[in-house]
C-alpha atoms as a PDB file:
ATOM      1  CA  MET A   1     126.726  80.453 117.545  1.00  0.00           C
ATOM      2  CA  ASN A   2     126.630  76.532 117.428  1.00  0.00           C
ATOM      3  CA  SER A   3     124.519  75.637 113.761  1.00  0.00           C
ATOM      4  CA  VAL A   4     124.609  71.220 115.101  1.00  0.00           C
ATOM      5  CA  LYS A   5     122.461  72.547 118.146  1.00  0.00           C
ATOM      6  CA  LEU A   6     120.333  75.000 116.313  1.00  0.00           C
ATOM      7  CA  ALA A   7     119.683  72.857 114.156  1.00  0.00           C
ATOM      8  CA  PRO A   8     116.550  70.835 116.899  1.00  0.00           C
ATOM      9  CA  LEU A   9     115.381  73.919 117.172  1.00  0.00           C
ATOM     10  CA  LEU A  10     115.669  75.916 113.741  1.00  0.00           C
ATOM     11  CA  LEU A  11     112.987  72.781 112.708  1.00  0.00           C
ATOM     12  CA  ILE A  12     110.879  73.407 115.285  1.00  0.00           C
ATOM     13  CA  PHE A  13     110.864  77.250 114.817  1.00  0.00           C
ATOM     14  CA  VAL A  14     109.743  76.352 110.936  1.00  0.00           C
ATOM     15  CA  GLU A  15     106.862  74.244 112.151  1.00  0.00           C
ATOM     16  CA  VAL A  16     105.469  76.717 114.297  1.00  0.00           C
ATOM     17  CA  ALA A  17     105.685  79.330 111.519  1.00  0.00           C
ATOM     18  CA  LYS A  18     104.656  77.441 109.090  1.00  0.00           C
ATOM     19  CA  LYS A  19     101.567  76.542 110.957  1.00  0.00           C
ATOM     20  CA  ARG A  20     101.194  79.641 112.646  1.00  0.00           C
ATOM     21  CA  SER A  21     100.616  77.889 116.127  1.00  0.00           C
ATOM     22  CA  PHE A  22     102.426  76.170 118.865  1.00  0.00           C
ATOM     23  CA  THR A  23      99.257  73.672 119.793  1.00  0.00           C
ATOM     24  CA  ALA A  24      98.940  72.530 116.155  1.00  0.00           C
ATOM     25  CA  ALA A  25     102.968  72.864 116.012  1.00  0.00           C
ATOM     26  CA  ALA A  26     103.589  70.332 118.684  1.00  0.00           C
ATOM     27  CA  LYS A  27     100.626  68.556 117.629  1.00  0.00           C
ATOM     28  CA  GLN A  28     102.701  67.238 114.531  1.00  0.00           C
ATOM     29  CA  LEU A  29     105.962  66.861 116.568  1.00  0.00           C
ATOM     30  CA  GLY A  30     104.324  64.644 119.407  1.00  0.00           C
ATOM     31  CA  LEU A  31     105.761  67.569 121.916  1.00  0.00           C
ATOM     32  CA  SER A  32     103.837  69.422 124.543  1.00  0.00           C
ATOM     33  CA  LYS A  33     102.984  73.401 123.996  1.00  0.00           C
ATOM     34  CA  SER A  34     104.911  74.073 126.811  1.00  0.00           C
ATOM     35  CA  ALA A  35     108.364  72.158 125.160  1.00  0.00           C
ATOM     36  CA  ILE A  36     108.066  73.962 121.842  1.00  0.00           C
ATOM     37  CA  SER A  37     107.497  77.008 123.863  1.00  0.00           C
ATOM     38  CA  GLN A  38     110.861  77.033 125.758  1.00  0.00           C
ATOM     39  CA  GLN A  39     112.861  75.682 122.406  1.00  0.00           C
ATOM     40  CA  ILE A  40     111.573  79.016 120.507  1.00  0.00           C
ATOM     41  CA  LYS A  41     112.667  80.728 123.722  1.00  0.00           C
ATOM     42  CA  ARG A  42     116.028  78.862 123.361  1.00  0.00           C
ATOM     43  CA  LEU A  43     116.104  80.271 119.862  1.00  0.00           C
ATOM     44  CA  GLU A  44     115.383  83.511 120.349  1.00  0.00           C
ATOM     45  CA  GLU A  45     118.220  83.581 122.778  1.00  0.00           C
ATOM     46  CA  ALA A  46     120.634  82.014 120.427  1.00  0.00           C
ATOM     47  CA  THR A  47     119.755  84.466 117.880  1.00  0.00           C
ATOM     48  CA  GLY A  48     118.960  87.602 119.707  1.00  0.00           C
ATOM     49  CA  GLN A  49     116.088  88.980 118.214  1.00  0.00           C
ATOM     50  CA  GLN A  50     111.960  88.060 118.668  1.00  0.00           C
ATOM     51  CA  LEU A  51     110.561  85.726 115.847  1.00  0.00           C
ATOM     52  CA  LEU A  52     107.285  85.189 116.916  1.00  0.00           C
ATOM     53  CA  VAL A  53     104.151  87.228 118.103  1.00  0.00           C
ATOM     54  CA  ARG A  54     101.437  85.255 120.257  1.00  0.00           C
ATOM     55  CA  ASN A  55      98.185  87.485 119.975  1.00  0.00           C
ATOM     56  CA  THR A  56      94.364  86.252 120.288  1.00  0.00           C
ATOM     57  CA  ARG A  57      94.409  84.191 116.664  1.00  0.00           C
ATOM     58  CA  GLY A  58      97.617  82.591 116.827  1.00  0.00           C
ATOM     59  CA  VAL A  59     101.279  83.404 115.280  1.00  0.00           C
ATOM     60  CA  VAL A  60     102.753  86.422 114.051  1.00  0.00           C
ATOM     61  CA  LEU A  61     105.957  86.418 112.653  1.00  0.00           C
ATOM     62  CA  THR A  62     108.342  89.000 112.357  1.00  0.00           C
ATOM     63  CA  ALA A  63     110.236  90.461 109.704  1.00  0.00           C
ATOM     64  CA  VAL A  64     113.441  89.107 111.211  1.00  0.00           C
ATOM     65  CA  GLY A  65     111.064  85.715 111.381  1.00  0.00           C
ATOM     66  CA  GLU A  66     109.903  85.756 108.062  1.00  0.00           C
ATOM     67  CA  THR A  67     112.879  85.955 107.099  1.00  0.00           C
ATOM     68  CA  LEU A  68     114.639  82.979 108.916  1.00  0.00           C
ATOM     69  CA  LEU A  69     111.436  81.089 108.242  1.00  0.00           C
ATOM     70  CA  ALA A  70     112.400  81.289 104.000  1.00  0.00           C
ATOM     71  CA  ARG A  71     115.942  80.295 104.758  1.00  0.00           C
ATOM     72  CA  SER A  72     114.927  77.082 106.914  1.00  0.00           C
ATOM     73  CA  GLU A  73     111.908  76.174 105.303  1.00  0.00           C
ATOM     74  CA  LEU A  74     114.292  74.294 102.991  1.00  0.00           C
ATOM     75  CA  LEU A  75     116.565  72.937 105.587  1.00  0.00           C
ATOM     76  CA  SER A  76     113.278  70.976 106.718  1.00  0.00           C
ATOM     77  CA  GLU A  77     112.225  69.826 103.302  1.00  0.00           C
ATOM     78  CA  GLN A  78     115.649  68.769 102.882  1.00  0.00           C
ATOM     79  CA  LEU A  79     115.505  67.030 106.213  1.00  0.00           C
ATOM     80  CA  GLY A  80     112.466  65.007 105.306  1.00  0.00           C
ATOM     81  CA  LEU A  81     113.367  63.890 101.687  1.00  0.00           C
ATOM     82  CA  THR A  82     116.568  62.712 103.584  1.00  0.00           C
ATOM     83  CA  LEU A  83     114.747  60.459 105.452  1.00  0.00           C
ATOM     84  CA  THR A  84     112.065  59.301 103.219  1.00  0.00           C
ATOM     85  CA  GLU A  85     115.208  58.421 101.032  1.00  0.00           C
ATOM     86  CA  LEU A  86     116.772  55.963 103.652  1.00  0.00           C
ATOM     87  CA  ASP A  87     113.219  54.567 104.569  1.00  0.00           C
ATOM     88  CA  SER A  88     112.364  53.712 100.834  1.00  0.00           C
ATOM     89  CA  ALA A  89     116.343  52.289  99.996  1.00  0.00           C
ATOM     90  CA  LYS A  90     115.662  53.864  96.914  1.00  0.00           C
ATOM     91  CA  GLU A  91     118.348  54.081  94.370  1.00  0.00           C
ATOM     92  CA  GLN A  92     119.070  58.150  93.184  1.00  0.00           C
ATOM     93  CA  PRO A  93     116.631  58.636  90.526  1.00  0.00           C
ATOM     94  CA  SER A  94     118.433  59.369  87.316  1.00  0.00           C
ATOM     95  CA  GLY A  95     117.974  60.379  83.148  1.00  0.00           C
ATOM     96  CA  HIS A  96     116.140  63.712  81.477  1.00  0.00           C
ATOM     97  CA  PHE A  97     113.501  65.167  84.141  1.00  0.00           C
ATOM     98  CA  ASN A  98     111.096  66.813  81.277  1.00  0.00           C
ATOM     99  CA  VAL A  99     109.022  69.309  82.618  1.00  0.00           C
ATOM    100  CA  SER A 100     106.884  72.070  81.032  1.00  0.00           C
ATOM    101  CA  VAL A 101     106.675  75.543  82.628  1.00  0.00           C
ATOM    102  CA  PRO A 102     104.464  79.049  81.423  1.00  0.00           C
ATOM    103  CA  PRO A 103     107.654  81.496  80.330  1.00  0.00           C
ATOM    104  CA  PHE A 104     107.290  84.087  82.842  1.00  0.00           C
ATOM    105  CA  PHE A 105     108.057  81.567  85.782  1.00  0.00           C
ATOM    106  CA  GLU A 106     111.760  80.539  84.512  1.00  0.00           C
ATOM    107  CA  LYS A 107     113.728  83.715  86.738  1.00  0.00           C
ATOM    108  CA  ASN A 108     113.083  83.556  90.445  1.00  0.00           C
ATOM    109  CA  ILE A 109     110.894  79.957  90.992  1.00  0.00           C
ATOM    110  CA  VAL A 110     111.785  77.368  87.890  1.00  0.00           C
ATOM    111  CA  VAL A 111     115.045  78.029  87.800  1.00  0.00           C
ATOM    112  CA  PRO A 112     115.861  78.027  91.197  1.00  0.00           C
ATOM    113  CA  ALA A 113     114.102  75.202  91.689  1.00  0.00           C
ATOM    114  CA  LEU A 114     115.826  73.442  89.027  1.00  0.00           C
ATOM    115  CA  LYS A 115     118.646  74.376  91.088  1.00  0.00           C
ATOM    116  CA  GLN A 116     117.915  72.677  93.687  1.00  0.00           C
ATOM    117  CA  LEU A 117     116.884  70.219  91.858  1.00  0.00           C
ATOM    118  CA  SER A 118     119.797  69.032  90.700  1.00  0.00           C
ATOM    119  CA  LEU A 119     122.016  69.641  94.298  1.00  0.00           C
ATOM    120  CA  GLU A 120     119.888  67.240  96.046  1.00  0.00           C
ATOM    121  CA  PHE A 121     119.287  64.557  92.751  1.00  0.00           C
ATOM    122  CA  PRO A 122     122.902  65.324  90.743  1.00  0.00           C
ATOM    123  CA  LYS A 123     121.883  61.878  88.566  1.00  0.00           C
ATOM    124  CA  ILE A 124     118.862  63.838  87.110  1.00  0.00           C
ATOM    125  CA  VAL A 125     119.343  65.635  83.853  1.00  0.00           C
ATOM    126  CA  PRO A 126     116.550  69.058  83.609  1.00  0.00           C
ATOM    127  CA  LYS A 127     115.079  69.292  80.481  1.00  0.00           C
ATOM    128  CA  LEU A 128     113.042  72.875  80.511  1.00  0.00           C
ATOM    129  CA  ILE A 129     110.562  73.467  77.822  1.00  0.00           C
ATOM    130  CA  VAL A 130     108.644  76.832  78.022  1.00  0.00           C
ATOM    131  CA  THR A 131     105.630  77.261  76.626  1.00  0.00           C
ATOM    132  CA  GLY A 132     102.303  79.253  77.745  1.00  0.00           C
ATOM    133  CA  ARG A 133     100.257  76.248  75.642  1.00  0.00           C
ATOM    134  CA  TRP A 134      99.125  73.281  76.703  1.00  0.00           C
ATOM    135  CA  ARG A 135     101.124  70.192  76.473  1.00  0.00           C
ATOM    136  CA  ASP A 136     100.029  67.085  77.130  1.00  0.00           C
ATOM    137  CA  LEU A 137     102.303  64.469  79.261  1.00  0.00           C
ATOM    138  CA  ILE A 138     101.865  61.542  77.454  1.00  0.00           C
ATOM    139  CA  GLU A 139     102.323  63.098  74.164  1.00  0.00           C
ATOM    140  CA  ASN A 140     105.330  65.227  74.841  1.00  0.00           C
ATOM    141  CA  ASN A 141     107.022  62.689  76.866  1.00  0.00           C
ATOM    142  CA  LEU A 142     106.986  65.118  80.467  1.00  0.00           C
ATOM    143  CA  ASP A 143     107.556  64.097  83.696  1.00  0.00           C
ATOM    144  CA  ALA A 144     105.012  66.661  85.183  1.00  0.00           C
ATOM    145  CA  ALA A 145     103.192  70.252  83.537  1.00  0.00           C
ATOM    146  CA  ILE A 146     102.977  73.576  85.369  1.00  0.00           C
ATOM    147  CA  PHE A 147      99.927  75.173  83.700  1.00  0.00           C
ATOM    148  CA  GLY A 148      97.483  77.895  84.498  1.00  0.00           C
ATOM    149  CA  GLY A 149      94.125  78.445  84.069  1.00  0.00           C
ATOM    150  CA  ASN A 150      91.335  75.662  83.257  1.00  0.00           C
ATOM    151  CA  ILE A 151      92.523  72.132  82.809  1.00  0.00           C
ATOM    152  CA  LYS A 152      91.188  69.573  79.960  1.00  0.00           C
ATOM    153  CA  ASN A 153      89.305  66.924  81.049  1.00  0.00           C
ATOM    154  CA  THR A 154      92.468  64.466  81.752  1.00  0.00           C
ATOM    155  CA  ASN A 155      92.953  61.592  84.406  1.00  0.00           C
ATOM    156  CA  TYR A 156      96.317  63.402  85.356  1.00  0.00           C
ATOM    157  CA  ARG A 157      97.172  64.377  88.409  1.00  0.00           C
ATOM    158  CA  ALA A 158      96.374  68.601  89.198  1.00  0.00           C
ATOM    159  CA  LEU A 159      98.173  69.705  92.997  1.00  0.00           C
ATOM    160  CA  PRO A 160      97.166  73.662  93.492  1.00  0.00           C
ATOM    161  CA  ILE A 161      99.670  75.592  93.358  1.00  0.00           C
ATOM    162  CA  GLY A 162      98.524  79.653  93.751  1.00  0.00           C
ATOM    163  CA  ASP A 163      96.844  82.121  92.173  1.00  0.00           C
ATOM    164  CA  VAL A 164      97.778  84.913  90.046  1.00  0.00           C
ATOM    165  CA  PRO A 165      96.097  88.401  89.400  1.00  0.00           C
ATOM    166  CA  GLU A 166      96.296  90.532  86.573  1.00  0.00           C
ATOM    167  CA  VAL A 167      96.950  94.094  87.547  1.00  0.00           C
ATOM    168  CA  LEU A 168      96.544  97.188  85.182  1.00  0.00           C
ATOM    169  CA  CYS A 169      99.512  98.969  84.015  1.00  0.00           C
ATOM    170  CA  ALA A 170     101.557 101.620  82.225  1.00  0.00           C
ATOM    171  CA  SER A 171     104.482 103.568  81.685  1.00  0.00           C
ATOM    172  CA  PRO A 172     104.223 107.102  83.808  1.00  0.00           C
ATOM    173  CA  ARG A 173     104.962 109.306  80.637  1.00  0.00           C
ATOM    174  CA  TYR A 174     101.851 107.314  78.936  1.00  0.00           C
ATOM    175  CA  ILE A 175      99.391 108.538  82.628  1.00  0.00           C
ATOM    176  CA  LYS A 176     101.652 111.719  81.639  1.00  0.00           C
ATOM    177  CA  GLN A 177     100.271 112.055  78.020  1.00  0.00           C
ATOM    178  CA  GLN A 178      96.947 110.719  78.252  1.00  0.00           C
ATOM    179  CA  GLY A 179      95.871 111.201  81.884  1.00  0.00           C
ATOM    180  CA  GLN A 180      94.758 108.433  84.839  1.00  0.00           C
ATOM    181  CA  PRO A 181      91.295 106.769  84.391  1.00  0.00           C
ATOM    182  CA  ALA A 182      89.084 107.878  87.352  1.00  0.00           C
ATOM    183  CA  ASN A 183      86.908 104.925  87.108  1.00  0.00           C
ATOM    184  CA  ILE A 184      86.759 101.843  84.678  1.00  0.00           C
ATOM    185  CA  ASP A 185      84.091 103.619  82.286  1.00  0.00           C
ATOM    186  CA  GLU A 186      87.799 106.138  81.819  1.00  0.00           C
ATOM    187  CA  LEU A 187      89.216 102.300  80.487  1.00  0.00           C
ATOM    188  CA  THR A 188      87.153 103.190  77.339  1.00  0.00           C
ATOM    189  CA  GLN A 189      89.361 106.541  75.814  1.00  0.00           C
ATOM    190  CA  HIS A 190      92.982 104.590  76.358  1.00  0.00           C
ATOM    191  CA  ASN A 191      95.105 102.329  74.895  1.00  0.00           C
ATOM    192  CA  PHE A 192      95.444  98.855  75.479  1.00  0.00           C
ATOM    193  CA  ILE A 193      98.063  95.912  74.674  1.00  0.00           C
ATOM    194  CA  ALA A 194      97.009  92.756  73.944  1.00  0.00           C
ATOM    195  CA  THR A 195      97.807  89.093  74.484  1.00  0.00           C
ATOM    196  CA  PRO A 196      96.076  86.557  72.726  1.00  0.00           C
ATOM    197  CA  TRP A 197      94.080  85.603  75.819  1.00  0.00           C
ATOM    198  CA  GLN A 198      92.580  88.846  76.200  1.00  0.00           C
ATOM    199  CA  HIS A 199      89.164  89.597  74.190  1.00  0.00           C
ATOM    200  CA  ASP A 200      88.263  93.184  73.075  1.00  0.00           C
ATOM    201  CA  VAL A 201      85.752  93.055  76.176  1.00  0.00           C
ATOM    202  CA  ILE A 202      87.983  92.585  79.599  1.00  0.00           C
ATOM    203  CA  ASN A 203      86.198  91.569  82.385  1.00  0.00           C
ATOM    204  CA  LEU A 204      87.098  93.438  85.693  1.00  0.00           C
ATOM    205  CA  PHE A 205      86.293  93.239  89.036  1.00  0.00           C
ATOM    206  CA  ASP A 206      87.184  95.590  91.908  1.00  0.00           C
ATOM    207  CA  GLU A 207      87.365  94.787  95.853  1.00  0.00           C
ATOM    208  CA  GLN A 208      84.145  93.310  96.157  1.00  0.00           C
ATOM    209  CA  GLN A 209      84.511  91.105  93.775  1.00  0.00           C
ATOM    210  CA  ASN A 210      81.845  92.058  91.549  1.00  0.00           C
ATOM    211  CA  LYS A 211      82.744  92.219  87.903  1.00  0.00           C
ATOM    212  CA  HIS A 212      82.616  94.928  84.830  1.00  0.00           C
ATOM    213  CA  ALA A 213      82.758  93.937  81.504  1.00  0.00           C
ATOM    214  CA  VAL A 214      84.560  97.369  79.804  1.00  0.00           C
ATOM    215  CA  SER A 215      85.083  96.897  75.809  1.00  0.00           C
ATOM    216  CA  VAL A 216      88.964  98.589  75.251  1.00  0.00           C
ATOM    217  CA  HIS A 217      90.927  99.463  72.266  1.00  0.00           C
ATOM    218  CA  HIS A 218      93.700  97.785  71.596  1.00  0.00           C
ATOM    219  CA  CYS A 219      96.494  99.350  70.325  1.00  0.00           C
ATOM    220  CA  ALA A 220      98.543  96.336  69.741  1.00  0.00           C
ATOM    221  CA  LYS A 221      98.628  92.315  70.374  1.00  0.00           C
ATOM    222  CA  VAL A 222     101.419  90.407  70.689  1.00  0.00           C
ATOM    223  CA  ASN A 223     101.707  86.851  72.130  1.00  0.00           C
ATOM    224  CA  THR A 224     104.295  87.161  74.954  1.00  0.00           C
ATOM    225  CA  LEU A 225     104.163  88.534  78.377  1.00  0.00           C
ATOM    226  CA  GLN A 226     107.788  90.642  77.997  1.00  0.00           C
ATOM    227  CA  THR A 227     106.813  91.990  74.705  1.00  0.00           C
ATOM    228  CA  VAL A 228     104.020  93.091  76.773  1.00  0.00           C
ATOM    229  CA  LEU A 229     106.187  94.847  78.940  1.00  0.00           C
ATOM    230  CA  GLU A 230     108.703  96.481  76.882  1.00  0.00           C
ATOM    231  CA  MET A 231     105.867  98.061  74.758  1.00  0.00           C
ATOM    232  CA  THR A 232     104.195  98.953  78.608  1.00  0.00           C
ATOM    233  CA  LEU A 233     107.529 100.479  79.195  1.00  0.00           C
ATOM    234  CA  ASN A 234     107.687 102.302  75.516  1.00  0.00           C
ATOM    235  CA  ASP A 235     104.626 104.232  76.208  1.00  0.00           C
ATOM    236  CA  MET A 236     102.254 102.620  74.142  1.00  0.00           C
ATOM    237  CA  GLY A 237      99.439 101.581  76.455  1.00  0.00           C
ATOM    238  CA  ILE A 238      97.748  99.860  79.022  1.00  0.00           C
ATOM    239  CA  ALA A 239      98.150  96.505  80.247  1.00  0.00           C
ATOM    240  CA  PHE A 240      96.984  93.647  82.056  1.00  0.00           C
ATOM    241  CA  TYR A 241     100.253  91.941  83.389  1.00  0.00           C
ATOM    242  CA  PRO A 242     101.087  89.293  86.852  1.00  0.00           C
ATOM    243  CA  GLU A 243     100.911  91.419  89.983  1.00  0.00           C
ATOM    244  CA  PHE A 244     103.815  89.730  91.267  1.00  0.00           C
ATOM    245  CA  LEU A 245     106.010  90.266  88.005  1.00  0.00           C
ATOM    246  CA  ALA A 246     104.396  93.536  88.073  1.00  0.00           C
ATOM    247  CA  GLN A 247     105.949  94.364  91.671  1.00  0.00           C
ATOM    248  CA  PRO A 248     110.205  94.999  90.700  1.00  0.00           C
ATOM    249  CA  HIS A 249     108.951  97.423  87.842  1.00  0.00           C
ATOM    250  CA  LEU A 250     105.968  99.481  90.272  1.00  0.00           C
ATOM    251  CA  ALA A 251     109.153  99.168  92.906  1.00  0.00           C
ATOM    252  CA  ASN A 252     111.586 101.250  91.043  1.00  0.00           C
ATOM    253  CA  GLN A 253     108.304 103.765  89.228  1.00  0.00           C
ATOM    254  CA  GLN A 254     109.048 102.265  85.661  1.00  0.00           C
ATOM    255  CA  LEU A 255     105.302 101.438  85.739  1.00  0.00           C
ATOM    256  CA  ILE A 256     102.335 102.424  87.739  1.00  0.00           C
ATOM    257  CA  ARG A 257      99.430 100.727  89.246  1.00  0.00           C
ATOM    258  CA  VAL A 258      96.209 101.932  86.686  1.00  0.00           C
ATOM    259  CA  LEU A 259      92.869 101.984  89.341  1.00  0.00           C
ATOM    260  CA  PRO A 260      94.627 100.381  91.772  1.00  0.00           C
ATOM    261  CA  ASN A 261      91.638  98.930  93.538  1.00  0.00           C
ATOM    262  CA  ILE A 262      90.768  97.018  89.797  1.00  0.00           C
ATOM    263  CA  ARG A 263      91.906  93.722  89.146  1.00  0.00           C
ATOM    264  CA  GLY A 264      91.909  91.549  86.193  1.00  0.00           C
ATOM    265  CA  LYS A 265      91.212  88.028  85.560  1.00  0.00           C
ATOM    266  CA  THR A 266      93.140  85.699  88.633  1.00  0.00           C
ATOM    267  CA  TRP A 267      94.781  82.557  87.306  1.00  0.00           C
ATOM    268  CA  GLN A 268      95.156  79.370  88.819  1.00  0.00           C
ATOM    269  CA  PHE A 269      98.020  77.555  88.357  1.00  0.00           C
ATOM    270  CA  TYR A 270      98.733  73.895  88.967  1.00  0.00           C
ATOM    271  CA  PHE A 271     101.389  71.179  89.286  1.00  0.00           C
ATOM    272  CA  LEU A 272     100.718  68.284  86.578  1.00  0.00           C
ATOM    273  CA  HIS A 273     101.825  64.698  86.695  1.00  0.00           C
ATOM    274  CA  GLN A 274     100.676  61.099  85.411  1.00  0.00           C
ATOM    275  CA  TYR A 275     101.108  59.116  88.369  1.00  0.00           C
ATOM    276  CA  GLN A 276      97.706  57.435  90.120  1.00  0.00           C
ATOM    277  CA  GLY A 277      99.743  56.333  93.209  1.00  0.00           C
ATOM    278  CA  LYS A 278     102.874  57.118  94.697  1.00  0.00           C
ATOM    279  CA  LYS A 279     105.271  59.660  92.612  1.00  0.00           C
ATOM    280  CA  PRO A 280     108.398  59.263  92.757  1.00  0.00           C
ATOM    281  CA  VAL A 281     110.640  61.208  95.373  1.00  0.00           C
ATOM    282  CA  HIS A 282     111.832  63.838  92.725  1.00  0.00           C
ATOM    283  CA  ILE A 283     108.403  64.527  91.802  1.00  0.00           C
ATOM    284  CA  THR A 284     107.508  65.549  94.570  1.00  0.00           C
ATOM    285  CA  ARG A 285     110.585  67.124  95.614  1.00  0.00           C
ATOM    286  CA  PHE A 286     109.908  69.436  92.331  1.00  0.00           C
ATOM    287  CA  TYR A 287     106.449  70.260  93.359  1.00  0.00           C
ATOM    288  CA  GLU A 288     107.447  70.781  96.555  1.00  0.00           C
ATOM    289  CA  LEU A 289     110.222  73.281  95.603  1.00  0.00           C
ATOM    290  CA  PHE A 290     108.279  75.601  93.046  1.00  0.00           C
ATOM    291  CA  CYS A 291     105.984  75.744  95.442  1.00  0.00           C
ATOM    292  CA  HIS A 292     108.434  77.195  97.891  1.00  0.00           C
ATOM    293  CA  TYR A 293     109.881  79.851  95.739  1.00  0.00           C
ATOM    294  CA  PHE A 294     106.097  80.400  94.028  1.00  0.00           C
ATOM    295  CA  THR A 295     105.432  80.994  97.812  1.00  0.00           C
ATOM    296  CA  ARG A 296     108.348  83.612  97.858  1.00  0.00           C
ATOM    297  CA  GLU A 297     108.149  85.360  94.966  1.00  0.00           C
ATOM    298  CA  ASN A 298     104.636  86.038  95.600  1.00  0.00           C
ATOM    299  CA  LYS A 299     105.255  88.062  99.106  1.00  0.00           C
ATOM    300  CA  ARG A 300     107.022  90.276  98.027  1.00  0.00           C
END
């Protein structure tokens, strides 16, 4: 399989897959819809796999297509970044890149993003601050910050990343001992593990987004999500946990969902920077990489 010949086809595939539309991709790339269709057909023939399925609402990716998009999306972004750098003829960014991030994003989002950033900008030295607290960019000499929740009234630019819903979890042993709540009202009979941002009255949301305020008993209060997880795994009570972080533990049955149709607060996350005009290229790139790994992690 000639990777050089396939590269243009992969770039076209990424555009179609991201827009979920042959028409939109053709417009973006300045090609005809039939030309786009022919290139996708060539790619499918070369790989021996069906990548896309057309329906009345647009384009749906097959499982193989989803995998190929995850691996090819960065190729498109890297090419675009390279051309931007050549066009601007600027020197490579260098020096410290100071960024603060929430404590539960490191493993599969922040570290892979910083690894890729360092490969593309080898003169950059990442300096990572892990904190769940608001940190002013200027006061703390930060180039960027990832923050979830309500943003303070500042002059900083806030670019959207995505949202993370909380779900109720408990260990199988705790549920076996205490019983699975049948409805929201029965939660008052259970022990809860709380973080500083959770109070004695919790807000829950059903599938119709109706809000339910429930008074609960906190058996423990901690200040890190890792401690919440450890206490939950050790059968101490029910806890709110970010859905994408809970997924691996739910999959291996270390945790189970409590009231699966109910969710807690949905946290909005933003990428903050202080540049009013054009951002430095490495700042833009880190935002792209963070969004890429964040989206991939939330799809699992």
